[in-house]
C-alpha cells in the first residue's frame, strides 16, 4: 500500500494509491471514505504533516571525511539537527538556490515519516511508530551554518 496526500477542493486530504486512482481516507492510514480521485487529476502534496523535521548528520564515515571532521576521535553517535516544517517542498516543486552562498550541498535521503508520538522506545518497538518512508532531497546552505553562530543570551 502507498499513502499519498493531495489537495481535494480547498482541503489537504490523505489517500491510498490504487493503480491510477487515489482512494481518499480519513487521515493518514485512516479508513477509506468511498471518495476517489484519478491520480492524473490530483495535486499531490508532500506525504507528511510534520511539526518538525528531525535530521541525522554525519552518520557514515565517508561523509564525516568529506566534511573534514575525521581528525581526532570519531563521533560516537550521529549528529541530530532540526529543520522547520516549511523546509518541506511539495512533489515537483521548485527550490531556488540561494544566491548568497557558494557552499550549497544536496544529497538524496531515505525519509521516515513517524505516524504517532513516541518516547523512550525500545529497538523492538521503534518501527511500529513509522507510518512509512519516502525519498527525500536534503538541501543545505553550508555558508549559513558557518555564518550563524549562536550565543547563550539575546541582546535587546
N, C-alpha and C. Protein backbone atom coordinates (compact mmCIF):
# COMPACT_ATOMS: atom_id res chain seq x y z
N UNK A 1 0.84 -1.17 0.00
CA UNK A 1 0.00 0.00 0.00
C UNK A 1 0.89 1.24 0.00
N UNK A 2 0.51 2.24 -0.77
CA UNK A 2 1.20 3.52 -0.80
C UNK A 2 0.23 4.60 -0.36
N UNK A 3 0.65 5.42 0.59
CA UNK A 3 -0.16 6.53 1.06
C UNK A 3 0.28 7.81 0.36
N UNK A 4 -0.66 8.70 0.12
CA UNK A 4 -0.33 9.97 -0.54
C UNK A 4 -1.23 11.06 0.04
N UNK A 5 -0.76 12.29 -0.10
CA UNK A 5 -1.53 13.47 0.30
C UNK A 5 -1.78 14.31 -0.93
N UNK A 6 -2.93 14.94 -1.00
CA UNK A 6 -3.27 15.77 -2.15
C UNK A 6 -4.22 16.87 -1.73
N UNK A 7 -4.33 17.88 -2.59
CA UNK A 7 -5.36 18.90 -2.40
C UNK A 7 -6.64 18.38 -3.05
N UNK A 8 -7.72 18.41 -2.31
CA UNK A 8 -9.04 17.99 -2.81
C UNK A 8 -9.99 19.13 -2.49
N UNK A 9 -10.35 19.88 -3.51
CA UNK A 9 -11.09 21.12 -3.28
C UNK A 9 -10.13 22.09 -2.60
N UNK A 10 -10.50 22.59 -1.44
CA UNK A 10 -9.61 23.51 -0.71
C UNK A 10 -9.02 22.84 0.53
N UNK A 11 -9.06 21.50 0.58
CA UNK A 11 -8.55 20.77 1.73
C UNK A 11 -7.42 19.82 1.34
N UNK A 12 -6.43 19.71 2.23
CA UNK A 12 -5.41 18.68 2.07
C UNK A 12 -6.01 17.38 2.58
N UNK A 13 -5.92 16.32 1.77
CA UNK A 13 -6.52 15.03 2.13
C UNK A 13 -5.50 13.92 1.93
N UNK A 14 -5.65 12.85 2.70
CA UNK A 14 -4.84 11.65 2.57
C UNK A 14 -5.61 10.62 1.77
N UNK A 15 -4.85 9.71 1.16
CA UNK A 15 -5.48 8.62 0.43
C UNK A 15 -4.51 7.49 0.18
N UNK A 16 -5.03 6.40 -0.34
CA UNK A 16 -4.23 5.24 -0.73
C UNK A 16 -4.15 5.20 -2.24
N UNK A 17 -2.93 5.03 -2.75
CA UNK A 17 -2.76 4.89 -4.19
C UNK A 17 -3.16 3.48 -4.59
N UNK A 18 -4.04 3.40 -5.57
CA UNK A 18 -4.52 2.12 -6.09
C UNK A 18 -4.48 2.22 -7.61
N UNK A 19 -3.32 1.83 -8.19
CA UNK A 19 -3.13 1.99 -9.62
C UNK A 19 -3.12 3.45 -10.00
N UNK A 20 -4.05 3.85 -10.86
CA UNK A 20 -4.15 5.25 -11.31
C UNK A 20 -5.18 6.05 -10.52
N UNK A 21 -5.55 5.52 -9.36
CA UNK A 21 -6.60 6.16 -8.56
C UNK A 21 -6.10 6.40 -7.14
N UNK A 22 -6.51 7.53 -6.60
CA UNK A 22 -6.24 7.83 -5.20
C UNK A 22 -7.56 7.68 -4.46
N UNK A 23 -7.63 6.69 -3.58
CA UNK A 23 -8.83 6.43 -2.78
C UNK A 23 -8.68 7.17 -1.45
N UNK A 24 -9.51 8.18 -1.24
CA UNK A 24 -9.37 9.06 -0.09
C UNK A 24 -9.68 8.33 1.22
N UNK A 25 -8.95 8.77 2.26
CA UNK A 25 -9.09 8.16 3.58
C UNK A 25 -9.36 9.25 4.62
N UNK A 26 -9.78 8.83 5.77
CA UNK A 26 -10.00 9.74 6.89
C UNK A 26 -8.71 9.99 7.64
N UNK A 27 -7.74 10.59 7.01
CA UNK A 27 -6.43 10.87 7.62
C UNK A 27 -5.38 9.87 7.17
N UNK A 28 -4.15 10.09 7.62
CA UNK A 28 -3.04 9.22 7.25
C UNK A 28 -3.29 7.81 7.77
N UNK A 29 -3.45 6.87 6.86
CA UNK A 29 -3.68 5.49 7.24
C UNK A 29 -5.08 5.21 7.76
N UNK A 30 -5.97 6.19 7.66
CA UNK A 30 -7.34 6.02 8.15
C UNK A 30 -8.19 5.18 7.21
N UNK A 31 -9.45 4.94 7.58
CA UNK A 31 -10.34 4.15 6.73
C UNK A 31 -10.71 4.90 5.45
N UNK A 32 -10.95 4.15 4.40
CA UNK A 32 -11.39 4.77 3.14
C UNK A 32 -12.75 5.42 3.31
N UNK A 33 -12.91 6.57 2.65
CA UNK A 33 -14.17 7.32 2.75
C UNK A 33 -15.15 6.96 1.63
N UNK A 34 -14.68 6.26 0.62
CA UNK A 34 -15.51 5.97 -0.55
C UNK A 34 -15.26 6.95 -1.68
N UNK A 35 -14.61 8.07 -1.39
CA UNK A 35 -14.29 9.04 -2.43
C UNK A 35 -13.02 8.60 -3.15
N UNK A 36 -12.93 8.91 -4.43
CA UNK A 36 -11.72 8.61 -5.18
C UNK A 36 -11.45 9.69 -6.21
N UNK A 37 -10.18 9.84 -6.54
CA UNK A 37 -9.74 10.87 -7.48
C UNK A 37 -8.75 10.22 -8.44
N UNK A 38 -8.92 10.43 -9.75
CA UNK A 38 -7.91 9.92 -10.69
C UNK A 38 -6.55 10.58 -10.37
N UNK A 39 -5.51 9.78 -10.36
CA UNK A 39 -4.19 10.28 -9.98
C UNK A 39 -3.74 11.43 -10.87
N UNK A 40 -4.05 11.38 -12.17
CA UNK A 40 -3.60 12.44 -13.06
C UNK A 40 -4.35 13.76 -12.83
N UNK A 41 -5.39 13.75 -11.99
CA UNK A 41 -6.11 14.98 -11.66
C UNK A 41 -5.83 15.43 -10.23
N UNK A 42 -4.93 14.73 -9.55
CA UNK A 42 -4.63 15.05 -8.16
C UNK A 42 -3.42 15.98 -8.08
N UNK A 43 -3.53 17.00 -7.27
CA UNK A 43 -2.38 17.88 -6.99
C UNK A 43 -1.72 17.31 -5.73
N UNK A 44 -0.68 16.50 -5.94
CA UNK A 44 -0.03 15.82 -4.83
C UNK A 44 0.71 16.79 -3.92
N UNK A 45 0.68 16.49 -2.63
CA UNK A 45 1.40 17.24 -1.61
C UNK A 45 2.46 16.33 -1.01
N UNK A 46 3.36 16.91 -0.27
CA UNK A 46 4.37 16.10 0.44
C UNK A 46 3.64 15.12 1.36
N UNK A 47 4.10 13.87 1.41
CA UNK A 47 3.38 12.85 2.18
C UNK A 47 3.72 12.89 3.68
N UNK A 48 3.57 14.05 4.28
CA UNK A 48 3.83 14.22 5.71
C UNK A 48 3.24 15.55 6.14
N UNK A 49 2.92 15.66 7.43
CA UNK A 49 2.45 16.90 8.03
C UNK A 49 3.24 17.12 9.31
N UNK A 50 4.55 17.42 9.15
CA UNK A 50 5.41 17.44 10.34
C UNK A 50 5.25 18.70 11.18
N UNK A 51 5.47 18.54 12.48
CA UNK A 51 5.60 19.70 13.36
C UNK A 51 7.07 20.12 13.39
N UNK A 52 7.94 19.20 13.03
CA UNK A 52 9.38 19.44 12.92
C UNK A 52 9.96 18.35 12.03
N UNK A 53 11.12 18.62 11.48
CA UNK A 53 11.83 17.63 10.68
C UNK A 53 13.13 17.34 11.41
N UNK A 54 13.28 16.11 11.86
CA UNK A 54 14.47 15.69 12.61
C UNK A 54 15.44 15.08 11.61
N UNK A 55 16.66 15.61 11.56
CA UNK A 55 17.66 15.17 10.60
C UNK A 55 18.85 14.53 11.33
N UNK A 56 19.47 13.59 10.67
CA UNK A 56 20.65 12.93 11.22
C UNK A 56 21.82 13.27 10.30
N UNK A 57 22.86 13.86 10.88
CA UNK A 57 24.02 14.26 10.09
C UNK A 57 25.26 13.46 10.45
N UNK A 58 26.19 13.44 9.53
CA UNK A 58 27.47 12.77 9.73
C UNK A 58 27.28 11.36 10.28
N UNK A 59 26.44 10.61 9.59
CA UNK A 59 26.11 9.28 10.09
C UNK A 59 26.81 8.15 9.34
N UNK A 60 27.80 8.48 8.51
CA UNK A 60 28.62 7.44 7.91
C UNK A 60 30.01 8.01 7.64
N UNK A 61 31.01 7.14 7.67
CA UNK A 61 32.41 7.56 7.68
C UNK A 61 32.80 8.39 6.46
N UNK A 62 32.36 8.00 5.25
CA UNK A 62 32.74 8.78 4.07
C UNK A 62 32.25 10.22 4.17
N UNK A 63 31.06 10.42 4.73
CA UNK A 63 30.51 11.77 4.87
C UNK A 63 31.29 12.56 5.93
N UNK A 64 31.68 11.89 6.99
CA UNK A 64 32.49 12.54 8.03
C UNK A 64 33.81 13.01 7.42
N UNK A 65 34.43 12.16 6.60
CA UNK A 65 35.69 12.53 5.94
C UNK A 65 35.48 13.66 4.93
N UNK A 66 34.40 13.57 4.17
CA UNK A 66 34.08 14.59 3.16
C UNK A 66 33.97 15.97 3.79
N UNK A 67 33.44 16.04 5.01
CA UNK A 67 33.27 17.31 5.70
C UNK A 67 34.51 17.74 6.47
N UNK A 68 35.56 16.90 6.42
CA UNK A 68 36.80 17.24 7.11
C UNK A 68 36.72 17.08 8.62
N UNK A 69 35.81 16.23 9.09
CA UNK A 69 35.64 16.04 10.52
C UNK A 69 36.22 14.72 11.01
N UNK A 70 37.23 14.18 10.30
CA UNK A 70 37.75 12.86 10.67
C UNK A 70 39.06 12.95 11.45
N UNK A 71 39.39 14.12 11.98
CA UNK A 71 40.58 14.24 12.81
C UNK A 71 40.16 14.01 14.27
N UNK A 72 41.01 13.42 15.03
CA UNK A 72 40.68 13.10 16.42
C UNK A 72 39.71 11.93 16.49
N UNK A 73 39.01 11.83 17.59
CA UNK A 73 38.05 10.75 17.78
C UNK A 73 36.83 10.95 16.89
N UNK A 74 36.37 9.86 16.30
CA UNK A 74 35.15 9.92 15.51
C UNK A 74 33.95 10.04 16.45
N UNK A 75 32.87 10.65 15.98
CA UNK A 75 31.69 10.77 16.84
C UNK A 75 31.18 9.39 17.24
N UNK A 76 30.76 9.27 18.48
CA UNK A 76 30.21 8.00 18.96
C UNK A 76 28.75 7.86 18.52
N UNK A 77 28.09 8.99 18.28
CA UNK A 77 26.71 8.98 17.82
C UNK A 77 26.57 10.03 16.72
N UNK A 78 25.63 9.82 15.80
CA UNK A 78 25.44 10.82 14.73
C UNK A 78 24.90 12.12 15.30
N UNK A 79 25.15 13.20 14.58
CA UNK A 79 24.61 14.50 14.99
C UNK A 79 23.15 14.61 14.60
N UNK A 80 22.36 15.21 15.46
CA UNK A 80 20.94 15.42 15.21
C UNK A 80 20.72 16.92 15.07
N UNK A 81 19.95 17.32 14.06
CA UNK A 81 19.57 18.73 13.94
C UNK A 81 18.14 18.79 13.41
N UNK A 82 17.52 19.94 13.53
CA UNK A 82 16.12 20.11 13.15
C UNK A 82 16.00 21.07 11.98
N UNK A 83 14.95 20.86 11.21
CA UNK A 83 14.52 21.82 10.19
C UNK A 83 13.05 22.09 10.44
N UNK A 84 12.62 23.28 10.11
CA UNK A 84 11.21 23.64 10.30
C UNK A 84 10.33 22.96 9.26
N UNK A 85 9.04 22.84 9.54
CA UNK A 85 8.15 22.20 8.58
C UNK A 85 8.07 22.93 7.24
N UNK A 86 8.40 24.23 7.23
CA UNK A 86 8.38 24.97 5.97
C UNK A 86 9.55 24.60 5.06
N UNK A 87 10.47 23.74 5.53
CA UNK A 87 11.56 23.26 4.69
C UNK A 87 11.11 22.12 3.79
N UNK A 88 9.89 21.66 3.96
CA UNK A 88 9.35 20.54 3.18
C UNK A 88 8.71 21.09 1.91
N UNK A 89 9.20 20.66 0.75
CA UNK A 89 8.66 21.12 -0.53
C UNK A 89 7.68 20.07 -1.07
N UNK A 90 6.77 20.53 -1.88
CA UNK A 90 5.79 19.63 -2.50
C UNK A 90 6.45 18.85 -3.64
N UNK A 91 5.94 17.67 -3.98
CA UNK A 91 6.49 16.91 -5.11
C UNK A 91 6.48 17.74 -6.40
N UNK A 92 7.61 17.75 -7.08
CA UNK A 92 7.72 18.51 -8.32
C UNK A 92 7.89 20.00 -8.11
N UNK A 93 7.96 20.43 -6.86
CA UNK A 93 8.10 21.86 -6.56
C UNK A 93 9.48 22.37 -6.93
N UNK A 94 9.61 23.66 -6.97
CA UNK A 94 10.87 24.31 -7.30
C UNK A 94 11.49 24.90 -6.04
N UNK A 95 12.76 24.65 -5.86
CA UNK A 95 13.50 25.24 -4.76
C UNK A 95 14.59 26.09 -5.38
N UNK A 96 14.62 27.37 -5.01
CA UNK A 96 15.63 28.26 -5.57
C UNK A 96 16.92 28.15 -4.78
N UNK A 97 18.01 28.03 -5.51
CA UNK A 97 19.32 28.00 -4.87
C UNK A 97 19.62 29.41 -4.35
N UNK A 98 20.02 29.51 -3.08
CA UNK A 98 20.32 30.84 -2.54
C UNK A 98 21.50 31.48 -3.26
N UNK A 99 21.36 32.75 -3.62
CA UNK A 99 22.43 33.45 -4.33
C UNK A 99 23.58 33.81 -3.41
N UNK A 100 23.35 33.87 -2.11
CA UNK A 100 24.34 34.37 -1.17
C UNK A 100 25.35 33.32 -0.73
N UNK A 101 25.28 32.10 -1.28
CA UNK A 101 26.25 31.08 -0.88
C UNK A 101 26.77 30.31 -2.08
N UNK A 102 28.03 29.93 -1.99
CA UNK A 102 28.61 29.00 -2.95
C UNK A 102 28.76 27.62 -2.31
N UNK A 103 28.49 27.55 -1.02
CA UNK A 103 28.64 26.32 -0.25
C UNK A 103 27.26 25.67 -0.10
N UNK A 104 26.74 25.14 -1.21
CA UNK A 104 25.39 24.58 -1.26
C UNK A 104 25.50 23.08 -1.46
N UNK A 105 24.96 22.32 -0.52
CA UNK A 105 25.06 20.86 -0.56
C UNK A 105 23.69 20.24 -0.83
N UNK A 106 23.70 19.12 -1.53
CA UNK A 106 22.47 18.37 -1.74
C UNK A 106 22.80 16.89 -1.70
N UNK A 107 21.87 16.12 -1.19
CA UNK A 107 22.05 14.67 -1.17
C UNK A 107 20.70 13.99 -1.02
N UNK A 108 20.59 12.83 -1.64
CA UNK A 108 19.39 12.02 -1.50
C UNK A 108 19.34 11.38 -0.13
N UNK A 109 18.16 11.25 0.39
CA UNK A 109 17.97 10.71 1.73
C UNK A 109 16.79 9.74 1.75
N UNK A 110 16.84 8.80 2.66
CA UNK A 110 15.68 7.99 2.99
C UNK A 110 14.94 8.75 4.09
N UNK A 111 13.70 9.14 3.82
CA UNK A 111 12.93 9.93 4.77
C UNK A 111 11.88 9.03 5.43
N UNK A 112 11.92 8.96 6.75
CA UNK A 112 10.91 8.22 7.51
C UNK A 112 9.85 9.18 8.01
N UNK A 113 8.61 8.79 7.92
CA UNK A 113 7.51 9.58 8.45
C UNK A 113 7.01 8.86 9.70
N UNK A 114 7.12 9.54 10.83
CA UNK A 114 6.68 8.98 12.09
C UNK A 114 5.18 9.25 12.21
N UNK A 115 4.41 8.21 12.46
CA UNK A 115 2.95 8.33 12.43
C UNK A 115 2.28 8.64 13.74
N UNK A 116 2.99 8.47 14.85
CA UNK A 116 2.39 8.77 16.15
C UNK A 116 3.48 9.17 17.13
N UNK A 117 3.08 9.87 18.17
CA UNK A 117 4.04 10.36 19.15
C UNK A 117 4.77 9.19 19.80
N UNK A 118 6.08 9.38 19.97
CA UNK A 118 6.91 8.31 20.52
C UNK A 118 7.89 8.87 21.54
N UNK A 119 8.18 8.05 22.53
CA UNK A 119 9.15 8.45 23.54
C UNK A 119 9.65 7.20 24.25
N UNK A 120 10.95 7.17 24.53
CA UNK A 120 11.57 6.06 25.27
C UNK A 120 11.26 4.71 24.62
N UNK A 121 11.47 4.60 23.31
CA UNK A 121 11.18 3.35 22.60
C UNK A 121 12.29 2.35 22.77
N UNK A 122 11.93 1.10 22.66
CA UNK A 122 12.92 0.04 22.58
C UNK A 122 13.17 -0.21 21.10
N UNK A 123 14.32 -0.74 20.74
CA UNK A 123 14.56 -1.06 19.34
C UNK A 123 13.48 -1.98 18.76
N UNK A 124 12.96 -2.88 19.56
CA UNK A 124 11.93 -3.81 19.08
C UNK A 124 10.62 -3.10 18.74
N UNK A 125 10.31 -1.99 19.42
CA UNK A 125 9.06 -1.26 19.19
C UNK A 125 9.17 -0.12 18.19
N UNK A 126 10.38 0.30 17.87
CA UNK A 126 10.58 1.54 17.10
C UNK A 126 9.85 1.55 15.77
N UNK A 127 9.92 0.49 15.00
CA UNK A 127 9.32 0.51 13.67
C UNK A 127 7.79 0.55 13.70
N UNK A 128 7.17 0.23 14.81
CA UNK A 128 5.71 0.32 14.89
C UNK A 128 5.24 1.77 14.88
N UNK A 129 6.16 2.73 15.08
CA UNK A 129 5.82 4.14 15.07
C UNK A 129 6.08 4.78 13.71
N UNK A 130 6.67 4.05 12.79
CA UNK A 130 6.96 4.57 11.46
C UNK A 130 5.74 4.35 10.58
N UNK A 131 5.16 5.46 10.09
CA UNK A 131 4.00 5.37 9.21
C UNK A 131 4.40 4.92 7.81
N UNK A 132 5.61 5.29 7.39
CA UNK A 132 6.07 4.92 6.05
C UNK A 132 7.39 5.60 5.76
N UNK A 133 7.84 5.41 4.55
CA UNK A 133 9.10 6.02 4.12
C UNK A 133 8.93 6.54 2.70
N UNK A 134 9.79 7.47 2.34
CA UNK A 134 9.77 8.05 1.01
C UNK A 134 11.17 8.55 0.69
N UNK A 135 11.37 9.03 -0.50
CA UNK A 135 12.64 9.63 -0.89
C UNK A 135 12.65 11.09 -0.45
N UNK A 136 13.80 11.57 -0.08
CA UNK A 136 13.94 12.97 0.28
C UNK A 136 15.17 13.55 -0.39
N UNK A 137 15.15 14.83 -0.63
CA UNK A 137 16.30 15.54 -1.16
C UNK A 137 16.67 16.59 -0.13
N UNK A 138 17.81 16.41 0.52
CA UNK A 138 18.26 17.34 1.54
C UNK A 138 19.09 18.43 0.89
N UNK A 139 18.70 19.67 1.11
CA UNK A 139 19.42 20.83 0.59
C UNK A 139 19.90 21.65 1.77
N UNK A 140 21.19 21.97 1.80
CA UNK A 140 21.74 22.73 2.91
C UNK A 140 22.67 23.81 2.38
N UNK A 141 22.46 25.02 2.83
CA UNK A 141 23.37 26.13 2.52
C UNK A 141 24.44 26.14 3.60
N UNK A 142 25.58 25.54 3.30
CA UNK A 142 26.65 25.40 4.28
C UNK A 142 27.16 26.72 4.81
N UNK A 143 27.17 27.75 3.98
CA UNK A 143 27.64 29.07 4.44
C UNK A 143 26.79 29.59 5.57
N UNK A 144 25.49 29.30 5.54
CA UNK A 144 24.60 29.75 6.60
C UNK A 144 25.03 29.13 7.92
N UNK A 145 25.38 27.85 7.86
CA UNK A 145 25.82 27.19 9.09
C UNK A 145 27.10 27.83 9.61
N UNK A 146 27.99 28.24 8.70
CA UNK A 146 29.25 28.85 9.10
C UNK A 146 29.06 30.28 9.60
N UNK A 147 28.08 30.99 9.05
CA UNK A 147 27.92 32.41 9.36
C UNK A 147 26.90 32.68 10.45
N UNK A 148 26.36 31.66 11.06
CA UNK A 148 25.29 31.87 12.02
C UNK A 148 25.62 31.24 13.37
N UNK A 149 26.70 31.68 14.00
CA UNK A 149 26.98 31.16 15.35
C UNK A 149 25.96 31.72 16.33
N UNK A 150 25.70 30.99 17.38
CA UNK A 150 24.76 31.49 18.38
C UNK A 150 25.45 31.62 19.72
N UNK A 151 24.92 32.47 20.54
CA UNK A 151 25.45 32.66 21.88
C UNK A 151 24.50 32.07 22.90
N UNK A 152 24.73 32.41 24.15
CA UNK A 152 23.90 31.88 25.20
C UNK A 152 22.89 32.89 25.72
N UNK A 153 22.79 34.06 25.07
CA UNK A 153 21.85 35.08 25.52
C UNK A 153 21.44 35.93 24.33
N UNK A 154 20.31 36.63 24.48
CA UNK A 154 19.83 37.57 23.48
C UNK A 154 20.20 38.97 23.90
N UNK A 155 20.50 39.81 22.93
CA UNK A 155 20.73 41.23 23.21
C UNK A 155 19.51 42.00 22.72
N UNK A 156 18.96 42.85 23.60
CA UNK A 156 17.78 43.65 23.17
C UNK A 156 18.20 44.74 22.20
